[in-house]
């Protein structure tokens, strides 16, 4: 895996500008903040983010992958202000679950998520080395 940082560009915080990788691709559907039985334990944005990340890691494990294999994450949030206000807690949850691995990331505000109680949905692509 190669993290792409164009010369002269400021380093991004919490993500990479790009990632190059080759091997077995693992695509993880959008994960939300409920547990494996579809139960939400919190309405808190950071709490739902932590659970969504745990769900991502659980699905990756089924392919023999881990957080270190993630090359891309897309975050869908209902409220960008809520997302930004929770940066500190999100960062702590991210480091706890994913570690110090920062793939290419995109975060977008959306009008709604399919599950009404969801505050965030995270979609991931990972690549296992050949």
N, C-alpha and C. Protein backbone atom coordinates (compact mmCIF):
# COMPACT_ATOMS: atom_id res chain seq x y z
N UNK A 1 0.85 -1.16 0.00
CA UNK A 1 0.00 0.00 0.00
C UNK A 1 0.90 1.23 0.00
N UNK A 2 0.54 2.18 -0.84
CA UNK A 2 1.31 3.42 -0.94
C UNK A 2 0.37 4.61 -0.71
N UNK A 3 0.72 5.45 0.25
CA UNK A 3 -0.06 6.65 0.51
C UNK A 3 0.44 7.76 -0.40
N UNK A 4 -0.47 8.43 -1.08
CA UNK A 4 -0.11 9.41 -2.10
C UNK A 4 -0.18 10.83 -1.54
N UNK A 5 0.97 11.49 -1.52
CA UNK A 5 1.08 12.85 -0.99
C UNK A 5 1.85 13.69 -2.01
N UNK A 6 1.14 14.47 -2.85
CA UNK A 6 1.85 15.28 -3.83
C UNK A 6 2.85 16.24 -3.16
N UNK A 7 3.99 16.38 -3.80
CA UNK A 7 5.04 17.25 -3.28
C UNK A 7 4.53 18.68 -3.14
N UNK A 8 4.84 19.28 -2.01
CA UNK A 8 4.44 20.66 -1.76
C UNK A 8 3.05 20.84 -1.19
N UNK A 9 2.27 19.78 -1.13
CA UNK A 9 0.91 19.89 -0.57
C UNK A 9 0.98 19.80 0.94
N UNK A 10 0.10 20.52 1.61
CA UNK A 10 -0.03 20.39 3.06
C UNK A 10 -0.55 19.00 3.39
N UNK A 11 -0.04 18.41 4.48
CA UNK A 11 -0.50 17.08 4.89
C UNK A 11 -1.92 17.17 5.42
N UNK A 12 -2.81 16.31 4.94
CA UNK A 12 -4.17 16.31 5.48
C UNK A 12 -4.19 15.73 6.89
N UNK A 13 -5.17 16.14 7.68
CA UNK A 13 -5.31 15.64 9.06
C UNK A 13 -6.40 14.59 9.10
N UNK A 14 -6.03 13.37 9.48
CA UNK A 14 -7.01 12.31 9.68
C UNK A 14 -7.37 11.51 8.46
N UNK A 15 -6.73 11.77 7.32
CA UNK A 15 -6.99 11.01 6.10
C UNK A 15 -5.80 11.18 5.17
N UNK A 16 -5.79 10.44 4.07
CA UNK A 16 -4.76 10.57 3.04
C UNK A 16 -5.39 11.10 1.76
N UNK A 17 -4.60 11.82 0.97
CA UNK A 17 -5.09 12.32 -0.31
C UNK A 17 -5.44 11.18 -1.26
N UNK A 18 -4.66 10.12 -1.20
CA UNK A 18 -4.90 8.98 -2.06
C UNK A 18 -4.11 7.78 -1.58
N UNK A 19 -4.52 6.60 -2.04
CA UNK A 19 -3.85 5.36 -1.67
C UNK A 19 -3.77 4.49 -2.93
N UNK A 20 -2.60 3.92 -3.17
CA UNK A 20 -2.43 2.95 -4.25
C UNK A 20 -2.18 1.59 -3.62
N UNK A 21 -2.90 0.56 -4.10
CA UNK A 21 -2.76 -0.78 -3.53
C UNK A 21 -3.12 -1.80 -4.60
N UNK A 22 -2.60 -3.01 -4.42
CA UNK A 22 -2.99 -4.10 -5.32
C UNK A 22 -3.19 -5.35 -4.48
N UNK A 23 -4.10 -6.21 -4.94
CA UNK A 23 -4.41 -7.42 -4.21
C UNK A 23 -5.89 -7.73 -4.27
N UNK A 24 -6.39 -8.44 -3.26
CA UNK A 24 -7.80 -8.83 -3.16
C UNK A 24 -8.61 -7.65 -2.60
N UNK A 25 -9.59 -7.19 -3.37
CA UNK A 25 -10.43 -6.07 -2.95
C UNK A 25 -11.58 -6.56 -2.08
N UNK A 26 -11.79 -5.87 -0.98
CA UNK A 26 -12.90 -6.16 -0.07
C UNK A 26 -13.76 -4.91 0.02
N UNK A 27 -15.03 -5.03 -0.36
CA UNK A 27 -15.97 -3.91 -0.29
C UNK A 27 -16.92 -4.13 0.86
N UNK A 28 -17.01 -3.15 1.74
CA UNK A 28 -17.90 -3.23 2.90
C UNK A 28 -19.05 -2.26 2.68
N UNK A 29 -20.25 -2.77 2.74
CA UNK A 29 -21.45 -1.93 2.61
C UNK A 29 -21.46 -0.85 3.67
N UNK A 30 -22.29 0.13 3.49
CA UNK A 30 -22.41 1.18 4.48
C UNK A 30 -22.83 0.61 5.83
N UNK A 31 -22.02 0.86 6.83
CA UNK A 31 -22.29 0.39 8.19
C UNK A 31 -22.80 1.57 9.02
N UNK A 32 -23.83 1.30 9.82
CA UNK A 32 -24.41 2.32 10.68
C UNK A 32 -24.18 1.93 12.14
N UNK A 33 -24.68 2.76 13.04
CA UNK A 33 -24.39 2.61 14.46
C UNK A 33 -25.26 1.66 15.25
N UNK A 34 -25.72 0.59 14.62
CA UNK A 34 -26.42 -0.44 15.38
C UNK A 34 -25.52 -1.66 15.53
N UNK A 35 -25.89 -2.55 16.44
CA UNK A 35 -25.09 -3.74 16.67
C UNK A 35 -25.44 -4.81 15.63
N UNK A 36 -24.84 -5.99 15.77
CA UNK A 36 -25.05 -7.08 14.81
C UNK A 36 -26.47 -7.60 14.73
N UNK A 37 -27.29 -7.27 15.71
CA UNK A 37 -28.69 -7.68 15.70
C UNK A 37 -29.61 -6.54 15.26
N UNK A 38 -29.02 -5.43 14.82
CA UNK A 38 -29.82 -4.31 14.33
C UNK A 38 -30.41 -3.44 15.43
N UNK A 39 -29.74 -3.40 16.59
CA UNK A 39 -30.23 -2.61 17.72
C UNK A 39 -29.30 -1.41 17.95
N UNK A 40 -29.89 -0.22 18.01
CA UNK A 40 -29.13 0.99 18.36
C UNK A 40 -29.04 1.08 19.88
N UNK A 41 -27.83 1.35 20.39
CA UNK A 41 -27.64 1.50 21.83
C UNK A 41 -27.43 2.95 22.22
N UNK A 42 -27.32 3.83 21.22
CA UNK A 42 -27.14 5.26 21.48
C UNK A 42 -27.65 6.07 20.30
N UNK A 43 -28.06 7.29 20.60
CA UNK A 43 -28.40 8.26 19.56
C UNK A 43 -27.26 9.25 19.38
N UNK A 44 -26.23 9.12 20.21
CA UNK A 44 -25.06 10.00 20.20
C UNK A 44 -24.25 9.79 18.91
N UNK A 45 -23.88 10.87 18.25
CA UNK A 45 -23.17 10.78 16.98
C UNK A 45 -21.86 10.01 17.13
N UNK A 46 -21.04 10.38 18.10
CA UNK A 46 -19.75 9.70 18.28
C UNK A 46 -19.95 8.23 18.66
N UNK A 47 -20.95 7.94 19.48
CA UNK A 47 -21.23 6.57 19.87
C UNK A 47 -21.66 5.73 18.67
N UNK A 48 -22.50 6.31 17.81
CA UNK A 48 -22.90 5.59 16.60
C UNK A 48 -21.72 5.41 15.65
N UNK A 49 -20.85 6.41 15.59
CA UNK A 49 -19.65 6.29 14.75
C UNK A 49 -18.78 5.14 15.23
N UNK A 50 -18.55 5.06 16.54
CA UNK A 50 -17.74 3.98 17.11
C UNK A 50 -18.33 2.62 16.74
N UNK A 51 -19.65 2.47 16.89
CA UNK A 51 -20.29 1.19 16.57
C UNK A 51 -20.19 0.90 15.08
N UNK A 52 -20.38 1.90 14.23
CA UNK A 52 -20.26 1.69 12.79
C UNK A 52 -18.85 1.22 12.43
N UNK A 53 -17.83 1.81 13.06
CA UNK A 53 -16.45 1.40 12.81
C UNK A 53 -16.21 -0.03 13.30
N UNK A 54 -16.77 -0.38 14.46
CA UNK A 54 -16.66 -1.76 14.94
C UNK A 54 -17.31 -2.72 13.95
N UNK A 55 -18.43 -2.32 13.38
CA UNK A 55 -19.12 -3.15 12.38
C UNK A 55 -18.25 -3.32 11.13
N UNK A 56 -17.60 -2.25 10.70
CA UNK A 56 -16.69 -2.32 9.56
C UNK A 56 -15.60 -3.35 9.83
N UNK A 57 -14.97 -3.26 11.01
CA UNK A 57 -13.87 -4.17 11.36
C UNK A 57 -14.36 -5.62 11.41
N UNK A 58 -15.56 -5.84 11.90
CA UNK A 58 -16.11 -7.20 11.97
C UNK A 58 -16.31 -7.78 10.57
N UNK A 59 -16.80 -6.97 9.64
CA UNK A 59 -17.00 -7.45 8.27
C UNK A 59 -15.64 -7.69 7.60
N UNK A 60 -14.69 -6.79 7.80
CA UNK A 60 -13.35 -6.98 7.23
C UNK A 60 -12.75 -8.30 7.71
N UNK A 61 -12.93 -8.61 8.98
CA UNK A 61 -12.36 -9.83 9.56
C UNK A 61 -12.86 -11.07 8.84
N UNK A 62 -14.10 -11.04 8.34
CA UNK A 62 -14.65 -12.18 7.61
C UNK A 62 -13.85 -12.48 6.34
N UNK A 63 -13.14 -11.47 5.82
CA UNK A 63 -12.32 -11.65 4.62
C UNK A 63 -10.85 -11.83 4.98
N UNK A 64 -10.55 -11.91 6.28
CA UNK A 64 -9.17 -12.01 6.71
C UNK A 64 -8.44 -10.69 6.67
N UNK A 65 -9.19 -9.61 6.63
CA UNK A 65 -8.62 -8.26 6.56
C UNK A 65 -8.76 -7.55 7.90
N UNK A 66 -8.02 -6.48 8.05
CA UNK A 66 -8.10 -5.66 9.25
C UNK A 66 -8.12 -4.19 8.86
N UNK A 67 -8.21 -3.31 9.84
CA UNK A 67 -8.25 -1.88 9.56
C UNK A 67 -7.07 -1.39 8.72
N UNK A 68 -5.92 -2.04 8.88
CA UNK A 68 -4.72 -1.62 8.15
C UNK A 68 -4.84 -1.86 6.65
N UNK A 69 -5.86 -2.59 6.21
CA UNK A 69 -6.05 -2.86 4.79
C UNK A 69 -7.03 -1.88 4.13
N UNK A 70 -7.63 -1.00 4.92
CA UNK A 70 -8.59 -0.03 4.37
C UNK A 70 -7.85 0.96 3.48
N UNK A 71 -8.36 1.15 2.27
CA UNK A 71 -7.78 2.13 1.35
C UNK A 71 -8.71 3.33 1.13
N UNK A 72 -10.01 3.15 1.41
CA UNK A 72 -10.96 4.24 1.19
C UNK A 72 -12.13 4.13 2.14
N UNK A 73 -12.55 5.28 2.66
CA UNK A 73 -13.75 5.36 3.51
C UNK A 73 -14.62 6.50 3.01
N UNK A 74 -15.91 6.25 2.96
CA UNK A 74 -16.87 7.32 2.66
C UNK A 74 -17.84 7.41 3.82
N UNK A 75 -17.95 8.59 4.38
CA UNK A 75 -18.83 8.86 5.52
C UNK A 75 -20.03 9.66 5.02
N UNK A 76 -21.22 9.18 5.35
CA UNK A 76 -22.45 9.89 5.05
C UNK A 76 -23.01 10.36 6.38
N UNK A 77 -23.13 11.67 6.55
CA UNK A 77 -23.61 12.23 7.82
C UNK A 77 -24.88 13.04 7.58
N UNK A 78 -25.75 13.03 8.57
CA UNK A 78 -26.99 13.80 8.46
C UNK A 78 -26.78 15.29 8.69
N UNK A 79 -25.82 15.62 9.54
CA UNK A 79 -25.64 17.01 9.93
C UNK A 79 -24.15 17.30 10.06
N UNK A 80 -23.63 18.09 9.15
CA UNK A 80 -22.19 18.36 9.17
C UNK A 80 -21.78 19.12 10.43
N UNK A 81 -22.67 19.91 10.99
CA UNK A 81 -22.35 20.63 12.23
C UNK A 81 -22.23 19.66 13.40
N UNK A 82 -23.12 18.68 13.45
CA UNK A 82 -23.04 17.64 14.47
C UNK A 82 -21.74 16.85 14.32
N UNK A 83 -21.39 16.52 13.08
CA UNK A 83 -20.16 15.81 12.77
C UNK A 83 -18.94 16.61 13.24
N UNK A 84 -18.89 17.88 12.88
CA UNK A 84 -17.75 18.72 13.25
C UNK A 84 -17.68 18.94 14.77
N UNK A 85 -18.82 19.07 15.41
CA UNK A 85 -18.84 19.27 16.87
C UNK A 85 -18.33 18.04 17.61
N UNK A 86 -18.42 16.88 16.97
CA UNK A 86 -17.99 15.63 17.61
C UNK A 86 -16.59 15.19 17.19
N UNK A 87 -15.83 16.05 16.50
CA UNK A 87 -14.49 15.68 16.01
C UNK A 87 -13.64 14.99 17.07
N UNK A 88 -13.57 15.57 18.26
CA UNK A 88 -12.69 15.03 19.30
C UNK A 88 -13.11 13.60 19.67
N UNK A 89 -14.40 13.39 19.91
CA UNK A 89 -14.90 12.07 20.27
C UNK A 89 -14.79 11.09 19.11
N UNK A 90 -15.05 11.57 17.90
CA UNK A 90 -14.91 10.72 16.71
C UNK A 90 -13.45 10.28 16.56
N UNK A 91 -12.54 11.23 16.74
CA UNK A 91 -11.12 10.92 16.63
C UNK A 91 -10.70 9.85 17.63
N UNK A 92 -11.18 9.97 18.87
CA UNK A 92 -10.85 8.98 19.90
C UNK A 92 -11.40 7.61 19.52
N UNK A 93 -12.65 7.57 19.05
CA UNK A 93 -13.26 6.30 18.65
C UNK A 93 -12.51 5.71 17.45
N UNK A 94 -12.16 6.55 16.50
CA UNK A 94 -11.44 6.10 15.31
C UNK A 94 -10.11 5.47 15.70
N UNK A 95 -9.34 6.17 16.53
CA UNK A 95 -8.03 5.64 16.95
C UNK A 95 -8.18 4.34 17.74
N UNK A 96 -9.23 4.25 18.55
CA UNK A 96 -9.48 3.04 19.34
C UNK A 96 -9.79 1.84 18.44
N UNK A 97 -10.62 2.05 17.43
CA UNK A 97 -11.10 0.94 16.59
C UNK A 97 -10.21 0.70 15.36
N UNK A 98 -9.82 1.76 14.68
CA UNK A 98 -9.06 1.64 13.44
C UNK A 98 -7.57 1.78 13.69
N UNK A 99 -7.18 2.58 14.65
CA UNK A 99 -5.77 2.82 14.94
C UNK A 99 -5.26 4.05 14.23
N UNK A 100 -3.97 4.10 14.01
CA UNK A 100 -3.35 5.24 13.35
C UNK A 100 -3.15 4.94 11.87
N UNK A 101 -4.23 4.57 11.22
CA UNK A 101 -4.25 4.25 9.79
C UNK A 101 -5.24 5.21 9.15
N UNK A 102 -4.77 5.99 8.18
CA UNK A 102 -5.59 7.04 7.61
C UNK A 102 -5.69 6.91 6.09
N UNK A 103 -6.71 6.17 5.62
CA UNK A 103 -6.90 5.98 4.19
C UNK A 103 -7.48 7.24 3.53
N UNK A 104 -7.70 7.15 2.23
CA UNK A 104 -8.41 8.21 1.53
C UNK A 104 -9.83 8.26 2.08
N UNK A 105 -10.34 9.45 2.36
CA UNK A 105 -11.67 9.58 2.96
C UNK A 105 -12.46 10.71 2.33
N UNK A 106 -13.76 10.51 2.32
CA UNK A 106 -14.70 11.53 1.91
C UNK A 106 -15.83 11.55 2.93
N UNK A 107 -16.27 12.74 3.30
CA UNK A 107 -17.44 12.88 4.17
C UNK A 107 -18.42 13.81 3.48
N UNK A 108 -19.67 13.37 3.39
CA UNK A 108 -20.70 14.19 2.75
C UNK A 108 -21.93 14.24 3.65
N UNK A 109 -22.59 15.39 3.62
CA UNK A 109 -23.86 15.52 4.32
C UNK A 109 -24.97 15.08 3.38
N UNK A 110 -25.87 14.27 3.90
CA UNK A 110 -26.98 13.77 3.10
C UNK A 110 -28.30 14.20 3.73
N UNK A 111 -29.35 14.17 2.96
CA UNK A 111 -30.66 14.56 3.45
C UNK A 111 -31.22 13.56 4.46
N UNK A 112 -30.99 12.27 4.20
CA UNK A 112 -31.50 11.23 5.09
C UNK A 112 -30.72 9.95 4.86
N UNK A 113 -30.78 9.07 5.86
CA UNK A 113 -30.28 7.71 5.74
C UNK A 113 -31.49 6.79 5.78
N UNK A 114 -31.38 5.61 5.24
CA UNK A 114 -32.53 4.70 5.17
C UNK A 114 -33.04 4.37 6.57
N UNK A 115 -32.13 4.07 7.50
CA UNK A 115 -32.53 3.79 8.89
C UNK A 115 -32.71 5.13 9.61
N UNK A 116 -33.92 5.42 10.03
CA UNK A 116 -34.23 6.73 10.59
C UNK A 116 -33.43 7.09 11.83
N UNK A 117 -33.05 6.11 12.64
CA UNK A 117 -32.31 6.40 13.87
C UNK A 117 -30.81 6.58 13.63
N UNK A 118 -30.34 6.28 12.43
CA UNK A 118 -28.91 6.39 12.12
C UNK A 118 -28.50 7.84 11.95
N UNK A 119 -27.34 8.19 12.50
CA UNK A 119 -26.77 9.54 12.38
C UNK A 119 -25.63 9.57 11.37
N UNK A 120 -25.02 8.39 11.11
CA UNK A 120 -23.85 8.29 10.24
C UNK A 120 -23.85 6.91 9.57
N UNK A 121 -23.33 6.86 8.35
CA UNK A 121 -23.15 5.59 7.65
C UNK A 121 -21.75 5.63 7.03
N UNK A 122 -20.98 4.55 7.21
CA UNK A 122 -19.59 4.51 6.75
C UNK A 122 -19.40 3.32 5.82
N UNK A 123 -18.93 3.62 4.61
CA UNK A 123 -18.67 2.62 3.58
C UNK A 123 -17.16 2.51 3.39
N UNK A 124 -16.66 1.28 3.20
CA UNK A 124 -15.22 1.06 3.16
C UNK A 124 -14.82 0.16 2.01
N UNK A 125 -13.66 0.46 1.43
CA UNK A 125 -12.98 -0.44 0.51
C UNK A 125 -11.62 -0.76 1.11
N UNK A 126 -11.29 -2.05 1.12
CA UNK A 126 -10.00 -2.50 1.64
C UNK A 126 -9.33 -3.36 0.57
N UNK A 127 -8.00 -3.45 0.65
CA UNK A 127 -7.25 -4.30 -0.27
C UNK A 127 -6.27 -5.15 0.53
N UNK A 128 -6.45 -6.46 0.42
CA UNK A 128 -5.52 -7.41 1.03
C UNK A 128 -4.36 -7.61 0.06
N UNK A 129 -3.11 -7.56 0.51
CA UNK A 129 -1.98 -7.77 -0.39
C UNK A 129 -2.07 -9.14 -1.07
N UNK A 130 -1.61 -9.18 -2.31
CA UNK A 130 -1.63 -10.43 -3.09
C UNK A 130 -0.70 -11.46 -2.46
